[in-house]
Amino acid sequence: MMLIPWRERRGMEPFRDLERIRSQMNSLFNTSLSKWLEPFGDLESKDSSWGPALEIDDKKKEVLVKLEIPGMNKEDIDVSIDEGVLTISGERKREEKKEEDGRVRSEFCYGSFERRISLSEEIDEKKVRAAYKNGVLKVALPKKEIKKTTPSKIKIEE
């Protein structure tokens, strides 16, 4: 048996019920529909921002960061380190114009992104290097060499 909360109604209020249904439908489409349309890829959000796929691989001697940002020029990508934070940002601009059979089809796409990654203190910020090839940005963050100390015995006095 399902319990329904009792609310005192002051006359007929059909518009409040309609507003509640409209709100629920908007919520349904805003969350669920975007997940269904995600595989189509070319759909841009209203604010024209996007987030490229990011992969971080923590190896023995370095941390390797990869971002998939196809269709961009390396001049449109900015990589920087400030106070232990790696920041990768950029702006893509794509315009396409096709003319066939007297018809013109024009599409354009603009968007910016920014990814920030907190780094550990073991990263040697002066030796960081980045390369962009075939739509993939690779940032290599070498780790500082940790000097191994030899244990020393401490004499206990009486």
N, C-alpha and C. Protein backbone atom coordinates (compact mmCIF):
# COMPACT_ATOMS: atom_id res chain seq x y z
N MET A 1 0.84 -1.17 0.00
CA MET A 1 0.00 0.00 0.00
C MET A 1 0.88 1.23 0.00
N MET A 2 0.56 2.18 -0.84
CA MET A 2 1.34 3.40 -0.95
C MET A 2 0.67 4.52 -0.18
N LEU A 3 1.42 5.21 0.64
CA LEU A 3 0.89 6.34 1.40
C LEU A 3 1.08 7.62 0.62
N ILE A 4 0.07 8.42 0.57
CA ILE A 4 0.11 9.69 -0.15
C ILE A 4 -0.03 10.81 0.89
N PRO A 5 0.91 11.75 0.93
CA PRO A 5 0.79 12.82 1.93
C PRO A 5 -0.46 13.66 1.68
N TRP A 6 -1.12 13.99 2.77
CA TRP A 6 -2.35 14.78 2.68
C TRP A 6 -1.99 16.25 2.69
N ARG A 7 -2.54 16.95 1.75
CA ARG A 7 -2.34 18.40 1.69
C ARG A 7 -3.71 19.05 1.60
N GLU A 8 -3.85 20.06 2.39
CA GLU A 8 -5.12 20.78 2.35
C GLU A 8 -5.13 21.63 1.08
N ARG A 9 -6.17 21.49 0.31
CA ARG A 9 -6.29 22.26 -0.93
C ARG A 9 -7.29 23.38 -0.74
N ARG A 10 -6.90 24.51 -1.20
CA ARG A 10 -7.78 25.68 -1.13
C ARG A 10 -8.34 25.93 -2.51
N GLY A 11 -9.42 25.28 -2.80
CA GLY A 11 -10.03 25.44 -4.12
C GLY A 11 -9.25 24.64 -5.15
N MET A 12 -9.65 24.74 -6.38
CA MET A 12 -8.96 24.03 -7.46
C MET A 12 -7.69 24.76 -7.84
N GLU A 13 -6.61 23.99 -7.97
CA GLU A 13 -5.33 24.56 -8.38
C GLU A 13 -4.74 23.72 -9.52
N PRO A 14 -5.39 23.67 -10.67
CA PRO A 14 -4.88 22.84 -11.76
C PRO A 14 -3.56 23.34 -12.33
N PHE A 15 -3.32 24.64 -12.24
CA PHE A 15 -2.09 25.19 -12.82
C PHE A 15 -0.85 24.78 -12.03
N ARG A 16 -1.00 24.61 -10.71
CA ARG A 16 0.14 24.17 -9.91
C ARG A 16 0.51 22.74 -10.30
N ASP A 17 -0.50 21.89 -10.51
CA ASP A 17 -0.23 20.51 -10.93
C ASP A 17 0.42 20.47 -12.31
N LEU A 18 -0.07 21.30 -13.23
CA LEU A 18 0.54 21.37 -14.56
C LEU A 18 1.98 21.87 -14.49
N GLU A 19 2.24 22.83 -13.65
CA GLU A 19 3.60 23.36 -13.49
C GLU A 19 4.53 22.28 -12.93
N ARG A 20 4.03 21.49 -11.99
CA ARG A 20 4.83 20.40 -11.42
C ARG A 20 5.15 19.36 -12.49
N ILE A 21 4.17 19.01 -13.32
CA ILE A 21 4.39 18.04 -14.40
C ILE A 21 5.38 18.59 -15.42
N ARG A 22 5.25 19.87 -15.78
CA ARG A 22 6.18 20.49 -16.72
C ARG A 22 7.60 20.48 -16.17
N SER A 23 7.74 20.78 -14.89
CA SER A 23 9.06 20.80 -14.26
C SER A 23 9.68 19.40 -14.26
N GLN A 24 8.89 18.39 -13.98
CA GLN A 24 9.40 17.01 -13.99
C GLN A 24 9.79 16.57 -15.39
N MET A 25 9.01 16.96 -16.39
CA MET A 25 9.34 16.61 -17.77
C MET A 25 10.64 17.29 -18.21
N ASN A 26 10.80 18.57 -17.86
CA ASN A 26 12.05 19.28 -18.19
C ASN A 26 13.24 18.60 -17.54
N SER A 27 13.10 18.22 -16.29
CA SER A 27 14.17 17.54 -15.58
C SER A 27 14.52 16.21 -16.26
N LEU A 28 13.50 15.48 -16.67
CA LEU A 28 13.70 14.20 -17.34
C LEU A 28 14.49 14.38 -18.64
N PHE A 29 14.08 15.35 -19.46
CA PHE A 29 14.75 15.55 -20.74
C PHE A 29 16.14 16.15 -20.57
N ASN A 30 16.34 17.01 -19.60
CA ASN A 30 17.65 17.62 -19.41
C ASN A 30 18.69 16.61 -18.97
N THR A 31 18.32 15.61 -18.19
CA THR A 31 19.30 14.64 -17.72
C THR A 31 19.38 13.42 -18.63
N SER A 32 18.26 12.82 -18.95
CA SER A 32 18.26 11.57 -19.71
C SER A 32 18.58 11.75 -21.18
N LEU A 33 18.02 12.75 -21.81
CA LEU A 33 18.19 12.94 -23.24
C LEU A 33 19.65 13.22 -23.60
N SER A 34 20.34 13.98 -22.76
CA SER A 34 21.74 14.28 -23.06
C SER A 34 22.60 13.03 -23.05
N LYS A 35 22.27 12.05 -22.19
CA LYS A 35 23.02 10.80 -22.17
C LYS A 35 22.78 9.98 -23.43
N TRP A 36 21.56 10.03 -23.96
CA TRP A 36 21.25 9.29 -25.18
C TRP A 36 21.90 9.92 -26.39
N LEU A 37 22.04 11.25 -26.41
CA LEU A 37 22.60 11.93 -27.57
C LEU A 37 24.12 11.99 -27.54
N GLU A 38 24.74 11.64 -26.42
CA GLU A 38 26.19 11.73 -26.26
C GLU A 38 26.98 11.02 -27.36
N PRO A 39 26.58 9.82 -27.84
CA PRO A 39 27.37 9.15 -28.87
C PRO A 39 27.47 9.91 -30.19
N PHE A 40 26.57 10.87 -30.43
CA PHE A 40 26.60 11.58 -31.70
C PHE A 40 27.70 12.63 -31.75
N GLY A 41 28.24 13.00 -30.59
CA GLY A 41 29.45 13.78 -30.51
C GLY A 41 29.45 15.21 -30.98
N ASP A 42 28.86 15.56 -32.10
CA ASP A 42 28.95 16.91 -32.63
C ASP A 42 28.02 17.90 -31.96
N LEU A 43 27.21 17.44 -31.02
CA LEU A 43 26.28 18.33 -30.36
C LEU A 43 27.02 19.18 -29.35
N GLU A 44 26.89 20.46 -29.47
CA GLU A 44 27.58 21.38 -28.57
C GLU A 44 26.65 21.83 -27.47
N SER A 45 27.20 22.10 -26.29
CA SER A 45 26.38 22.62 -25.21
C SER A 45 26.11 24.10 -25.46
N LYS A 46 25.16 24.63 -24.71
CA LYS A 46 24.76 26.02 -24.94
C LYS A 46 25.88 27.01 -24.68
N ASP A 47 26.79 26.68 -23.74
CA ASP A 47 27.85 27.64 -23.42
C ASP A 47 29.10 27.42 -24.25
N SER A 48 29.04 26.54 -25.22
CA SER A 48 30.14 26.26 -26.16
C SER A 48 31.42 25.84 -25.47
N SER A 49 31.32 25.25 -24.30
CA SER A 49 32.52 24.72 -23.66
C SER A 49 32.47 23.20 -23.76
N TRP A 50 33.63 22.59 -23.73
CA TRP A 50 33.70 21.14 -23.83
C TRP A 50 34.91 20.67 -23.05
N GLY A 51 34.95 19.44 -22.73
CA GLY A 51 36.07 18.89 -21.97
C GLY A 51 36.66 17.70 -22.69
N PRO A 52 37.89 17.82 -23.15
CA PRO A 52 38.52 16.70 -23.85
C PRO A 52 38.80 15.55 -22.89
N ALA A 53 38.85 14.34 -23.44
CA ALA A 53 39.16 13.16 -22.65
C ALA A 53 40.58 13.28 -22.09
N LEU A 54 40.77 12.88 -20.85
CA LEU A 54 42.04 13.02 -20.15
C LEU A 54 42.47 11.68 -19.59
N GLU A 55 43.75 11.38 -19.72
CA GLU A 55 44.31 10.15 -19.17
C GLU A 55 45.59 10.49 -18.43
N ILE A 56 45.73 9.99 -17.21
CA ILE A 56 46.93 10.23 -16.41
C ILE A 56 47.54 8.88 -16.07
N ASP A 57 48.83 8.72 -16.39
CA ASP A 57 49.55 7.48 -16.14
C ASP A 57 50.74 7.79 -15.24
N ASP A 58 50.70 7.31 -14.01
CA ASP A 58 51.77 7.55 -13.04
C ASP A 58 52.78 6.41 -13.13
N LYS A 59 53.90 6.70 -13.80
CA LYS A 59 54.95 5.69 -13.98
C LYS A 59 56.03 5.87 -12.92
N LYS A 60 57.03 5.01 -12.98
CA LYS A 60 58.08 5.03 -11.97
C LYS A 60 58.89 6.33 -12.01
N LYS A 61 59.26 6.79 -13.22
CA LYS A 61 60.13 7.97 -13.33
C LYS A 61 59.42 9.24 -13.79
N GLU A 62 58.15 9.11 -14.22
CA GLU A 62 57.42 10.29 -14.68
C GLU A 62 55.91 10.06 -14.62
N VAL A 63 55.20 11.16 -14.71
CA VAL A 63 53.75 11.12 -14.84
C VAL A 63 53.45 11.57 -16.25
N LEU A 64 52.65 10.77 -16.98
CA LEU A 64 52.32 11.10 -18.36
C LEU A 64 50.84 11.46 -18.44
N VAL A 65 50.57 12.67 -18.97
CA VAL A 65 49.20 13.15 -19.13
C VAL A 65 48.90 13.20 -20.62
N LYS A 66 47.76 12.61 -21.02
CA LYS A 66 47.35 12.62 -22.43
C LYS A 66 45.96 13.23 -22.52
N LEU A 67 45.79 14.11 -23.50
CA LEU A 67 44.48 14.70 -23.80
C LEU A 67 44.16 14.48 -25.26
N GLU A 68 42.93 14.06 -25.52
CA GLU A 68 42.48 13.90 -26.90
C GLU A 68 41.81 15.20 -27.32
N ILE A 69 42.47 15.95 -28.19
CA ILE A 69 41.93 17.22 -28.68
C ILE A 69 42.14 17.31 -30.19
N PRO A 70 41.41 16.49 -30.95
CA PRO A 70 41.59 16.47 -32.40
C PRO A 70 41.06 17.74 -33.06
N GLY A 71 41.64 18.04 -34.20
CA GLY A 71 41.17 19.17 -34.99
C GLY A 71 41.67 20.52 -34.52
N MET A 72 42.63 20.54 -33.62
CA MET A 72 43.16 21.81 -33.13
C MET A 72 44.59 22.00 -33.62
N ASN A 73 45.01 23.24 -33.68
CA ASN A 73 46.40 23.56 -33.98
C ASN A 73 47.13 23.72 -32.65
N LYS A 74 48.42 23.37 -32.65
CA LYS A 74 49.16 23.48 -31.39
C LYS A 74 49.26 24.92 -30.90
N GLU A 75 49.10 25.88 -31.81
CA GLU A 75 49.13 27.30 -31.42
C GLU A 75 47.90 27.68 -30.59
N ASP A 76 46.83 26.89 -30.68
CA ASP A 76 45.59 27.18 -29.94
C ASP A 76 45.55 26.49 -28.58
N ILE A 77 46.64 25.81 -28.21
CA ILE A 77 46.71 25.08 -26.94
C ILE A 77 47.73 25.74 -26.03
N ASP A 78 47.38 25.91 -24.76
CA ASP A 78 48.27 26.52 -23.78
C ASP A 78 48.50 25.53 -22.63
N VAL A 79 49.76 25.27 -22.34
CA VAL A 79 50.14 24.38 -21.24
C VAL A 79 51.02 25.17 -20.29
N SER A 80 50.65 25.17 -18.99
CA SER A 80 51.46 25.91 -18.02
C SER A 80 51.40 25.23 -16.66
N ILE A 81 52.40 25.54 -15.83
CA ILE A 81 52.45 25.06 -14.45
C ILE A 81 52.62 26.27 -13.55
N ASP A 82 51.77 26.34 -12.53
CA ASP A 82 51.87 27.44 -11.58
C ASP A 82 51.48 26.91 -10.19
N GLU A 83 52.38 27.06 -9.25
CA GLU A 83 52.16 26.65 -7.86
C GLU A 83 51.66 25.22 -7.74
N GLY A 84 52.31 24.32 -8.47
CA GLY A 84 51.98 22.90 -8.37
C GLY A 84 50.72 22.47 -9.08
N VAL A 85 50.21 23.29 -9.99
CA VAL A 85 49.00 22.95 -10.75
C VAL A 85 49.32 23.02 -12.24
N LEU A 86 49.09 21.90 -12.94
CA LEU A 86 49.25 21.85 -14.39
C LEU A 86 47.94 22.32 -15.01
N THR A 87 48.00 23.34 -15.86
CA THR A 87 46.81 23.86 -16.52
C THR A 87 46.97 23.69 -18.02
N ILE A 88 45.97 23.03 -18.61
CA ILE A 88 45.95 22.85 -20.06
C ILE A 88 44.64 23.47 -20.55
N SER A 89 44.79 24.44 -21.45
CA SER A 89 43.59 25.12 -21.95
C SER A 89 43.73 25.34 -23.45
N GLY A 90 42.62 25.64 -24.07
CA GLY A 90 42.66 25.88 -25.51
C GLY A 90 41.30 26.31 -26.03
N GLU A 91 41.32 26.67 -27.30
CA GLU A 91 40.09 27.08 -27.96
C GLU A 91 40.09 26.50 -29.36
N ARG A 92 39.00 25.83 -29.69
CA ARG A 92 38.92 25.26 -31.03
C ARG A 92 37.98 26.11 -31.89
N LYS A 93 38.37 26.19 -33.13
CA LYS A 93 37.58 26.94 -34.11
C LYS A 93 37.51 26.08 -35.36
N ARG A 94 36.30 25.73 -35.75
CA ARG A 94 36.16 24.90 -36.95
C ARG A 94 35.06 25.49 -37.81
N GLU A 95 35.41 25.75 -39.04
CA GLU A 95 34.44 26.25 -40.00
C GLU A 95 34.51 25.36 -41.24
N GLU A 96 33.35 25.00 -41.74
CA GLU A 96 33.28 24.13 -42.90
C GLU A 96 32.25 24.70 -43.87
N LYS A 97 32.64 24.82 -45.12
CA LYS A 97 31.73 25.35 -46.12
C LYS A 97 31.83 24.47 -47.36
N LYS A 98 30.68 23.94 -47.78
CA LYS A 98 30.63 23.08 -48.96
C LYS A 98 29.62 23.65 -49.95
N GLU A 99 30.02 23.64 -51.19
CA GLU A 99 29.12 24.08 -52.26
C GLU A 99 28.95 22.94 -53.25
N GLU A 100 27.71 22.52 -53.46
CA GLU A 100 27.44 21.53 -54.49
C GLU A 100 26.04 21.72 -55.05
N ASP A 101 25.96 21.57 -56.32
CA ASP A 101 24.70 21.72 -57.05
C ASP A 101 24.01 23.05 -56.77
N GLY A 102 24.78 24.11 -56.66
CA GLY A 102 24.21 25.44 -56.43
C GLY A 102 23.75 25.68 -55.00
N ARG A 103 24.00 24.74 -54.09
CA ARG A 103 23.62 24.91 -52.69
C ARG A 103 24.88 25.09 -51.85
N VAL A 104 24.74 25.87 -50.82
CA VAL A 104 25.87 26.11 -49.91
C VAL A 104 25.51 25.57 -48.55
N ARG A 105 26.40 24.76 -48.00
CA ARG A 105 26.23 24.24 -46.65
C ARG A 105 27.39 24.76 -45.82
N SER A 106 27.07 25.47 -44.75
CA SER A 106 28.10 26.07 -43.91
C SER A 106 27.87 25.66 -42.46
N GLU A 107 28.92 25.16 -41.83
CA GLU A 107 28.86 24.79 -40.42
C GLU A 107 30.06 25.39 -39.71
N PHE A 108 29.85 25.80 -38.48
CA PHE A 108 30.97 26.29 -37.69
C PHE A 108 30.79 25.83 -36.25
N CYS A 109 31.91 25.70 -35.57
CA CYS A 109 31.91 25.19 -34.20
C CYS A 109 33.02 25.89 -33.44
N TYR A 110 32.69 26.49 -32.33
CA TYR A 110 33.67 27.15 -31.49
C TYR A 110 33.51 26.62 -30.07
N GLY A 111 34.59 26.54 -29.34
CA GLY A 111 34.50 26.11 -27.95
C GLY A 111 35.84 26.19 -27.27
N SER A 112 35.82 26.39 -25.98
CA SER A 112 37.07 26.45 -25.22
C SER A 112 37.02 25.42 -24.11
N PHE A 113 38.19 25.07 -23.61
CA PHE A 113 38.28 24.12 -22.50
C PHE A 113 39.43 24.52 -21.60
N GLU A 114 39.38 24.02 -20.38
CA GLU A 114 40.48 24.20 -19.43
C GLU A 114 40.45 23.02 -18.48
N ARG A 115 41.61 22.37 -18.34
CA ARG A 115 41.75 21.26 -17.40
C ARG A 115 42.86 21.62 -16.44
N ARG A 116 42.63 21.41 -15.14
CA ARG A 116 43.63 21.68 -14.11
C ARG A 116 43.91 20.41 -13.34
N ILE A 117 45.20 20.12 -13.15
CA ILE A 117 45.61 18.91 -12.46
C ILE A 117 46.59 19.29 -11.36
N SER A 118 46.27 18.95 -10.13
CA SER A 118 47.18 19.21 -9.01
C SER A 118 48.32 18.20 -9.07
N LEU A 119 49.52 18.70 -8.94
CA LEU A 119 50.71 17.86 -9.02
C LEU A 119 51.29 17.62 -7.64
N SER A 120 51.96 16.50 -7.49
CA SER A 120 52.63 16.23 -6.22
C SER A 120 53.96 16.99 -6.19
N GLU A 121 54.54 17.05 -5.04
CA GLU A 121 55.81 17.79 -4.89
C GLU A 121 56.97 17.08 -5.55
N GLU A 122 56.79 15.81 -5.91
CA GLU A 122 57.90 15.06 -6.51
C GLU A 122 58.10 15.35 -7.99
N ILE A 123 57.28 16.20 -8.60
CA ILE A 123 57.43 16.55 -10.02
C ILE A 123 58.50 17.63 -10.18
N ASP A 124 59.39 17.42 -11.14
CA ASP A 124 60.43 18.40 -11.45
C ASP A 124 59.87 19.35 -12.52
N GLU A 125 59.34 20.47 -12.09
CA GLU A 125 58.64 21.41 -12.97
C GLU A 125 59.53 21.98 -14.07
N LYS A 126 60.83 22.01 -13.87
CA LYS A 126 61.74 22.59 -14.86
C LYS A 126 62.00 21.65 -16.04
N LYS A 127 61.68 20.38 -15.90
CA LYS A 127 61.95 19.41 -16.96
C LYS A 127 60.69 18.92 -17.69
N VAL A 128 59.58 19.57 -17.48
CA VAL A 128 58.32 19.17 -18.12
C VAL A 128 58.39 19.43 -19.61
N ARG A 129 57.87 18.51 -20.41
CA ARG A 129 57.84 18.69 -21.86
C ARG A 129 56.48 18.26 -22.40
N ALA A 130 56.09 18.87 -23.52
CA ALA A 130 54.79 18.58 -24.12
C ALA A 130 54.95 18.41 -25.62
N ALA A 131 54.12 17.53 -26.20
CA ALA A 131 54.12 17.30 -27.65
C ALA A 131 52.68 17.09 -28.10
N TYR A 132 52.38 17.61 -29.30
CA TYR A 132 51.03 17.46 -29.87
C TYR A 132 51.15 16.84 -31.24
N LYS A 133 50.53 15.66 -31.41
CA LYS A 133 50.61 14.96 -32.69
C LYS A 133 49.34 14.13 -32.89
N ASN A 134 48.78 14.18 -34.09
CA ASN A 134 47.60 13.41 -34.46
C ASN A 134 46.43 13.59 -33.49
N GLY A 135 46.24 14.81 -33.02
CA GLY A 135 45.10 15.10 -32.15
C GLY A 135 45.27 14.72 -30.70
N VAL A 136 46.47 14.28 -30.32
CA VAL A 136 46.72 13.89 -28.93
C VAL A 136 47.85 14.75 -28.35
N LEU A 137 47.56 15.40 -27.24
CA LEU A 137 48.57 16.18 -26.52
C LEU A 137 49.14 15.29 -25.42
N LYS A 138 50.47 15.15 -25.41
CA LYS A 138 51.14 14.37 -24.37
C LYS A 138 52.03 15.31 -23.56
N VAL A 139 51.84 15.29 -22.26
CA VAL A 139 52.66 16.10 -21.35
C VAL A 139 53.40 15.14 -20.43
N ALA A 140 54.73 15.18 -20.48
CA ALA A 140 55.56 14.32 -19.64
C ALA A 140 56.05 15.14 -18.45
N LEU A 141 55.78 14.65 -17.26
CA LEU A 141 56.15 15.34 -16.03
C LEU A 141 57.15 14.46 -15.27
N PRO A 142 58.45 14.68 -15.48
CA PRO A 142 59.46 13.86 -14.80
C PRO A 142 59.43 14.06 -13.28
N LYS A 143 59.70 12.98 -12.59
CA LYS A 143 59.76 13.05 -11.12
C LYS A 143 61.17 13.40 -10.69
N LYS A 144 61.26 14.11 -9.58
CA LYS A 144 62.57 14.47 -9.03
C LYS A 144 63.25 13.20 -8.51
N GLU A 145 64.55 13.21 -8.64
CA GLU A 145 65.30 12.08 -8.10
C GLU A 145 65.34 12.21 -6.59
N ILE A 146 64.94 11.15 -5.94
CA ILE A 146 64.95 11.16 -4.49
C ILE A 146 66.26 10.53 -4.04
N LYS A 147 67.01 11.30 -3.30
CA LYS A 147 68.30 10.79 -2.81
C LYS A 147 68.04 9.80 -1.70
N LYS A 148 68.60 8.63 -1.91
CA LYS A 148 68.45 7.59 -0.91
C LYS A 148 69.45 7.85 0.22
N THR A 149 68.94 7.79 1.39
CA THR A 149 69.82 7.98 2.54
C THR A 149 70.12 6.61 3.14
N THR A 150 71.30 6.52 3.68
CA THR A 150 71.67 5.26 4.34
C THR A 150 71.30 5.40 5.81
N PRO A 151 70.72 4.37 6.33
CA PRO A 151 70.33 4.45 7.74
C PRO A 151 71.58 4.50 8.62
N SER A 152 71.49 5.25 9.65
CA SER A 152 72.61 5.32 10.60
C SER A 152 72.10 4.93 11.98
N LYS A 153 72.91 4.21 12.65
CA LYS A 153 72.54 3.72 13.97
C LYS A 153 72.78 4.83 14.98
N ILE A 154 71.83 4.99 15.84
CA ILE A 154 71.94 6.01 16.89
C ILE A 154 72.16 5.30 18.21
N LYS A 155 73.22 5.73 18.86
CA LYS A 155 73.57 5.12 20.13
C LYS A 155 72.65 5.68 21.23
N ILE A 156 72.19 4.79 22.04
CA ILE A 156 71.33 5.18 23.15
C ILE A 156 72.19 5.34 24.38
N GLU A 157 72.12 6.50 24.96
CA GLU A 157 72.90 6.78 26.15
C GLU A 157 72.11 6.41 27.40
N GLU A 158 72.84 6.16 28.47
CA GLU A 158 72.20 5.82 29.74
C GLU A 158 71.94 7.05 30.56
